[in-house]
Amino acid sequence: MEAIKASELKIGNWVRNIDGVEYPIENGWQLDEGDTVYPVPLTEEWLLKFGFEYDTITYSRGELMLSSHSDTDLSSYNVWWGTLTYGNLNFQIKYVHQLQNLYFALTGDELTIKPIKK
């Protein structure tokens, strides 16, 4: 897996180290010191942690909707924002930090971990 460029990250983004330990970026010095970090694959577990709800074919949180690229390939998700009336962002996303950054760009709010409803 290829390392993430520091320019792709912001405080709060979830990453993993070379040993696979996942953690959020807490300070810019972590990147300034040259720490090598790797992306965290976006999975159903992460979507549920972030408060997305599943409804047969899509995961949604507000106007942001994601669906798996295919039934057999769960390594990337197609992304939609709003309804077709407002236009359609249709591209793929694979990593947690990408989702966090996209959510912030669209809403101005941080995507935080929510307690999972049982």
C-alpha atoms as a PDB file:
ATOM      1  CA  MET A   1       0.000   0.000   0.000  1.00  0.00           C
ATOM      2  CA  GLU A   2       1.274   3.428  -0.910  1.00  0.00           C
ATOM      3  CA  ALA A   3       1.880   6.073   1.763  1.00  0.00           C
ATOM      4  CA  ILE A   4      -0.387   9.140   1.947  1.00  0.00           C
ATOM      5  CA  LYS A   5       1.081  12.499   1.007  1.00  0.00           C
ATOM      6  CA  ALA A   6       0.968  15.002   3.876  1.00  0.00           C
ATOM      7  CA  SER A   7      -0.885  17.429   1.579  1.00  0.00           C
ATOM      8  CA  GLU A   8      -3.870  15.015   1.497  1.00  0.00           C
ATOM      9  CA  LEU A   9      -4.333  15.068   5.276  1.00  0.00           C
ATOM     10  CA  LYS A  10      -5.725  17.333   7.938  1.00  0.00           C
ATOM     11  CA  ILE A  11      -6.072  17.114  11.701  1.00  0.00           C
ATOM     12  CA  GLY A  12      -8.609  14.423  12.595  1.00  0.00           C
ATOM     13  CA  ASN A  13      -8.031  12.218   9.529  1.00  0.00           C
ATOM     14  CA  TRP A  14      -7.754   8.527  10.375  1.00  0.00           C
ATOM     15  CA  VAL A  15      -4.587   6.820   9.114  1.00  0.00           C
ATOM     16  CA  ARG A  16      -2.568   3.705   9.893  1.00  0.00           C
ATOM     17  CA  ASN A  17       1.097   3.200  10.574  1.00  0.00           C
ATOM     18  CA  ILE A  18       3.411   0.600   9.057  1.00  0.00           C
ATOM     19  CA  ASP A  19       2.244  -1.912  11.703  1.00  0.00           C
ATOM     20  CA  GLY A  20      -1.432  -1.425  10.768  1.00  0.00           C
ATOM     21  CA  VAL A  21      -2.364   0.525  13.919  1.00  0.00           C
ATOM     22  CA  GLU A  22      -5.150   3.002  13.089  1.00  0.00           C
ATOM     23  CA  TYR A  23      -5.223   6.444  14.713  1.00  0.00           C
ATOM     24  CA  PRO A  24      -6.387   9.999  14.001  1.00  0.00           C
ATOM     25  CA  ILE A  25      -3.874  12.712  13.100  1.00  0.00           C
ATOM     26  CA  GLU A  26      -3.829  14.868  16.227  1.00  0.00           C
ATOM     27  CA  ASN A  27      -1.040  17.353  15.514  1.00  0.00           C
ATOM     28  CA  GLY A  28       0.624  18.659  12.397  1.00  0.00           C
ATOM     29  CA  TRP A  29       4.002  17.730  13.846  1.00  0.00           C
ATOM     30  CA  GLN A  30       3.214  14.075  13.212  1.00  0.00           C
ATOM     31  CA  LEU A  31       3.491  14.812   9.501  1.00  0.00           C
ATOM     32  CA  ASP A  32       6.197  17.478   9.796  1.00  0.00           C
ATOM     33  CA  GLU A  33       8.472  14.973  11.519  1.00  0.00           C
ATOM     34  CA  GLY A  34       8.258  12.768   8.449  1.00  0.00           C
ATOM     35  CA  ASP A  35       6.072  10.031   9.895  1.00  0.00           C
ATOM     36  CA  THR A  36       4.969   7.742   7.093  1.00  0.00           C
ATOM     37  CA  VAL A  37       1.255   7.045   7.240  1.00  0.00           C
ATOM     38  CA  TYR A  38      -0.953   4.825   5.135  1.00  0.00           C
ATOM     39  CA  PRO A  39      -4.639   5.040   4.208  1.00  0.00           C
ATOM     40  CA  VAL A  40      -7.329   3.192   6.125  1.00  0.00           C
ATOM     41  CA  PRO A  41      -9.587   1.297   3.689  1.00  0.00           C
ATOM     42  CA  LEU A  42     -13.189   2.477   3.768  1.00  0.00           C
ATOM     43  CA  THR A  43     -15.392  -0.387   4.964  1.00  0.00           C
ATOM     44  CA  GLU A  44     -18.959  -0.862   6.089  1.00  0.00           C
ATOM     45  CA  GLU A  45     -17.712  -0.785   9.688  1.00  0.00           C
ATOM     46  CA  TRP A  46     -16.244   2.711   9.167  1.00  0.00           C
ATOM     47  CA  LEU A  47     -19.409   3.954   7.480  1.00  0.00           C
ATOM     48  CA  LEU A  48     -21.506   2.778  10.429  1.00  0.00           C
ATOM     49  CA  LYS A  49     -19.023   4.323  12.907  1.00  0.00           C
ATOM     50  CA  PHE A  50     -19.461   7.663  11.124  1.00  0.00           C
ATOM     51  CA  GLY A  51     -23.237   7.458  11.468  1.00  0.00           C
ATOM     52  CA  PHE A  52     -24.178   6.405   7.943  1.00  0.00           C
ATOM     53  CA  GLU A  53     -27.376   4.401   7.665  1.00  0.00           C
ATOM     54  CA  TYR A  54     -27.793   1.443   5.329  1.00  0.00           C
ATOM     55  CA  ASP A  55     -30.968   1.019   3.284  1.00  0.00           C
ATOM     56  CA  THR A  56     -30.723  -2.002   0.960  1.00  0.00           C
ATOM     57  CA  ILE A  57     -28.303  -0.521  -1.608  1.00  0.00           C
ATOM     58  CA  THR A  58     -26.840   2.704  -0.209  1.00  0.00           C
ATOM     59  CA  TYR A  59     -25.271   4.147   2.903  1.00  0.00           C
ATOM     60  CA  SER A  60     -26.438   7.673   3.613  1.00  0.00           C
ATOM     61  CA  ARG A  61     -25.836  10.502   6.020  1.00  0.00           C
ATOM     62  CA  GLY A  62     -27.826  13.593   5.187  1.00  0.00           C
ATOM     63  CA  GLU A  63     -27.512  14.275   1.464  1.00  0.00           C
ATOM     64  CA  LEU A  64     -24.310  12.248   1.093  1.00  0.00           C
ATOM     65  CA  MET A  65     -24.921   8.752  -0.275  1.00  0.00           C
ATOM     66  CA  LEU A  66     -22.474   5.934  -0.953  1.00  0.00           C
ATOM     67  CA  SER A  67     -22.947   2.573  -2.600  1.00  0.00           C
ATOM     68  CA  SER A  68     -20.439  -0.193  -3.131  1.00  0.00           C
ATOM     69  CA  HIS A  69     -18.852  -0.247  -6.549  1.00  0.00           C
ATOM     70  CA  SER A  70     -20.254  -3.741  -7.067  1.00  0.00           C
ATOM     71  CA  ASP A  71     -21.674  -6.606  -5.025  1.00  0.00           C
ATOM     72  CA  THR A  72     -18.367  -8.428  -5.179  1.00  0.00           C
ATOM     73  CA  ASP A  73     -15.915  -5.498  -4.922  1.00  0.00           C
ATOM     74  CA  LEU A  74     -16.326  -3.697  -1.610  1.00  0.00           C
ATOM     75  CA  SER A  75     -12.972  -1.905  -1.903  1.00  0.00           C
ATOM     76  CA  SER A  76     -14.474   1.314  -3.271  1.00  0.00           C
ATOM     77  CA  TYR A  77     -17.730   3.229  -3.067  1.00  0.00           C
ATOM     78  CA  ASN A  78     -19.594   5.397  -5.542  1.00  0.00           C
ATOM     79  CA  VAL A  79     -20.469   8.812  -4.089  1.00  0.00           C
ATOM     80  CA  TRP A  80     -23.572  10.956  -4.632  1.00  0.00           C
ATOM     81  CA  TRP A  81     -24.511  14.298  -3.081  1.00  0.00           C
ATOM     82  CA  GLY A  82     -28.096  15.525  -2.989  1.00  0.00           C
ATOM     83  CA  THR A  83     -30.726  14.587  -5.501  1.00  0.00           C
ATOM     84  CA  LEU A  84     -30.412  14.478  -9.254  1.00  0.00           C
ATOM     85  CA  THR A  85     -32.142  17.877  -9.307  1.00  0.00           C
ATOM     86  CA  TYR A  86     -29.018  19.417  -7.780  1.00  0.00           C
ATOM     87  CA  GLY A  87     -26.570  17.478  -9.890  1.00  0.00           C
ATOM     88  CA  ASN A  88     -24.691  14.317  -9.254  1.00  0.00           C
ATOM     89  CA  LEU A  89     -21.185  13.727  -7.947  1.00  0.00           C
ATOM     90  CA  ASN A  90     -20.461  10.268  -9.218  1.00  0.00           C
ATOM     91  CA  PHE A  91     -16.963   9.057  -8.459  1.00  0.00           C
ATOM     92  CA  GLN A  92     -15.289   6.403  -6.358  1.00  0.00           C
ATOM     93  CA  ILE A  93     -13.779   6.733  -2.918  1.00  0.00           C
ATOM     94  CA  LYS A  94     -11.609   4.075  -1.246  1.00  0.00           C
ATOM     95  CA  TYR A  95     -10.183   5.474   1.980  1.00  0.00           C
ATOM     96  CA  VAL A  96     -11.443   6.894   5.266  1.00  0.00           C
ATOM     97  CA  HIS A  97      -9.420  10.138   4.983  1.00  0.00           C
ATOM     98  CA  GLN A  98     -10.928  10.777   1.534  1.00  0.00           C
ATOM     99  CA  LEU A  99     -14.442  10.445   2.963  1.00  0.00           C
ATOM    100  CA  GLN A 100     -13.573  12.698   5.912  1.00  0.00           C
ATOM    101  CA  ASN A 101     -12.163  15.392   3.619  1.00  0.00           C
ATOM    102  CA  LEU A 102     -15.063  15.169   1.174  1.00  0.00           C
ATOM    103  CA  TYR A 103     -17.644  15.384   3.950  1.00  0.00           C
ATOM    104  CA  PHE A 104     -15.936  18.469   5.381  1.00  0.00           C
ATOM    105  CA  ALA A 105     -15.708  20.112   1.942  1.00  0.00           C
ATOM    106  CA  LEU A 106     -19.431  19.536   1.299  1.00  0.00           C
ATOM    107  CA  THR A 107     -20.853  20.327   4.735  1.00  0.00           C
ATOM    108  CA  GLY A 108     -18.263  22.365   6.629  1.00  0.00           C
ATOM    109  CA  ASP A 109     -18.574  19.844   9.490  1.00  0.00           C
ATOM    110  CA  GLU A 110     -16.135  17.205  10.664  1.00  0.00           C
ATOM    111  CA  LEU A 111     -17.141  13.583  10.168  1.00  0.00           C
ATOM    112  CA  THR A 112     -16.891  12.112  13.660  1.00  0.00           C
ATOM    113  CA  ILE A 113     -17.369   8.637  15.057  1.00  0.00           C
ATOM    114  CA  LYS A 114     -20.859   8.100  16.434  1.00  0.00           C
ATOM    115  CA  PRO A 115     -22.008   5.379  18.839  1.00  0.00           C
ATOM    116  CA  ILE A 116     -23.334   2.471  16.787  1.00  0.00           C
ATOM    117  CA  LYS A 117     -27.083   1.919  17.237  1.00  0.00           C
ATOM    118  CA  LYS A 118     -27.996  -1.611  18.243  1.00  0.00           C
END
